[in-house]
Protein backbone atom coordinates (compact mmCIF):
# COMPACT_ATOMS: atom_id res chain seq x y z
CA MET A 1 -17.49 13.23 7.06
CA SER A 2 -18.92 10.14 5.37
CA LEU A 3 -16.79 7.09 4.56
CA LEU A 4 -18.04 7.42 0.99
CA SER A 5 -16.88 11.03 0.59
CA PRO A 6 -14.24 11.69 -2.07
CA LYS A 7 -11.82 12.70 0.72
CA VAL A 8 -12.15 9.45 2.73
CA LEU A 9 -13.11 6.69 0.28
CA PRO A 10 -9.86 6.90 -1.74
CA ILE A 11 -7.84 6.44 1.44
CA LEU A 12 -9.85 3.36 2.41
CA LEU A 13 -9.53 1.94 -1.10
CA LEU A 14 -5.77 2.61 -1.12
CA VAL A 15 -5.37 0.79 2.20
CA ALA A 16 -7.29 -2.20 0.86
CA SER A 17 -5.40 -2.19 -2.43
CA ASN A 18 -2.07 -2.07 -0.60
CA VAL A 19 -3.01 -5.06 1.52
CA PHE A 20 -3.59 -7.04 -1.68
CA MET A 21 -0.46 -5.73 -3.41
CA THR A 22 1.75 -6.44 -0.40
CA LEU A 23 0.37 -9.96 -0.30
CA ALA A 24 0.98 -10.34 -4.05
CA TRP A 25 4.56 -9.07 -3.87
CA TYR A 26 5.72 -10.58 -0.59
CA GLY A 27 3.24 -13.29 0.48
CA HIS A 28 5.04 -15.97 -1.51
CA LEU A 29 8.22 -15.51 0.54
CA ARG A 30 6.83 -17.98 3.08
CA PHE A 31 6.45 -20.59 0.32
CA LYS A 32 10.00 -20.91 -0.97
CA ALA A 33 9.41 -24.47 -2.20
CA ALA A 34 6.61 -23.39 -4.55
CA PRO A 35 7.69 -23.14 -8.19
CA LEU A 36 8.31 -19.62 -9.44
CA TYR A 37 5.68 -19.85 -12.20
CA ALA A 38 3.04 -20.75 -9.59
CA VAL A 39 3.85 -17.81 -7.33
CA VAL A 40 3.94 -15.43 -10.28
CA LEU A 41 0.50 -16.59 -11.44
CA ALA A 42 -0.89 -16.39 -7.90
CA SER A 43 0.62 -12.92 -7.50
CA TRP A 44 -0.98 -11.76 -10.75
CA ALA A 45 -4.36 -13.01 -9.58
CA ILE A 46 -4.00 -11.13 -6.30
CA ALA A 47 -2.74 -8.01 -8.08
CA PHE A 48 -5.83 -8.08 -10.32
CA VAL A 49 -7.95 -7.45 -7.21
CA GLU A 50 -5.53 -4.71 -6.17
CA TYR A 51 -6.07 -2.89 -9.46
CA TRP A 52 -9.84 -3.00 -8.96
CA LEU A 53 -9.27 -1.06 -5.72
CA ALA A 54 -6.39 1.26 -6.68
CA VAL A 55 -7.77 2.56 -9.98
CA PRO A 56 -11.12 3.66 -8.49
CA ALA A 57 -9.27 5.12 -5.49
CA ASN A 58 -7.27 7.35 -7.80
CA ARG A 59 -10.22 8.19 -10.05
CA ILE A 60 -12.45 9.17 -7.11
CA GLY A 61 -9.64 10.82 -5.17
CA HIS A 62 -8.53 13.01 -8.05
CA ALA A 63 -11.73 15.02 -7.58
CA VAL A 64 -10.27 16.41 -4.33
CA TYR A 65 -6.55 15.52 -4.32
CA SER A 66 -3.81 16.21 -6.84
CA ALA A 67 -2.06 13.26 -8.49
CA ALA A 68 1.04 14.03 -6.39
CA GLU A 69 -1.03 13.93 -3.20
CA LEU A 70 -2.63 10.62 -4.20
CA LYS A 71 0.77 9.11 -4.98
CA THR A 72 2.16 10.37 -1.69
CA MET A 73 -0.76 8.85 0.22
CA GLN A 74 -0.23 5.58 -1.60
CA GLU A 75 3.46 5.47 -0.67
CA VAL A 76 2.87 6.23 3.01
CA ILE A 77 0.05 3.66 3.15
CA THR A 78 2.32 1.14 1.41
CA LEU A 79 4.98 1.57 4.09
CA ALA A 80 2.47 1.27 6.92
CA VAL A 81 0.85 -1.84 5.43
CA PHE A 82 4.25 -3.36 4.68
CA ALA A 83 5.52 -2.75 8.22
CA VAL A 84 2.52 -4.54 9.73
CA PHE A 85 2.72 -7.34 7.13
CA SER A 86 6.45 -7.80 7.67
CA VAL A 87 6.05 -8.25 11.41
CA ALA A 88 2.74 -10.15 11.47
CA TYR A 89 3.08 -12.40 8.41
CA LEU A 90 6.77 -12.68 7.60
CA ARG A 91 7.83 -12.58 11.27
CA GLU A 92 10.59 -10.07 10.49
CA ALA A 93 11.57 -7.36 12.92
CA ILE A 94 11.28 -3.67 12.16
CA THR A 95 14.54 -2.10 13.31
CA TRP A 96 15.32 1.47 14.37
CA ASN A 97 16.86 2.25 10.98
CA HIS A 98 13.69 1.05 9.22
CA LEU A 99 11.63 3.31 11.50
CA ALA A 100 13.99 6.23 10.94
CA GLY A 101 13.77 5.78 7.16
CA PHE A 102 9.99 5.51 7.29
CA ALA A 103 9.85 8.66 9.44
CA LEU A 104 11.91 10.58 6.89
CA ILE A 105 9.56 9.45 4.12
CA ALA A 106 6.58 10.50 6.25
CA ALA A 107 8.22 13.90 6.79
CA GLY A 108 8.56 14.26 3.03
CA ALA A 109 4.90 13.35 2.65
CA ALA A 110 3.97 16.04 5.16
CA ILE A 111 5.68 18.61 2.94
CA ILE A 112 3.53 17.52 -0.02
CA PHE A 113 0.35 18.20 1.96
CA ARG A 114 1.49 21.49 3.44
CA ALA A 115 -0.82 24.24 2.18
């Protein structure tokens, strides 16, 4: 299966878009002294890039996935990206209750994709 196939490319684009969106939403937390207007403007600029990845991901992906499946993928990818970001960038621990909650969400996602 090619990376450019409509089954794979949307997933790659959603991962990339979530990296940008997580940075836009949470990256400023390490810069508490920065004025709020500055972090909002920086976040908007980062989110602009995210939109250029997420919208094509959904447009391309809708050829082979339902909207509910695309949204479910996006949510699971968001949690995975956030977990890595939280530990690596924010230096916050992921606790057992976070993992348990993420596992329950992943179980719900599995139901969406069940044939």
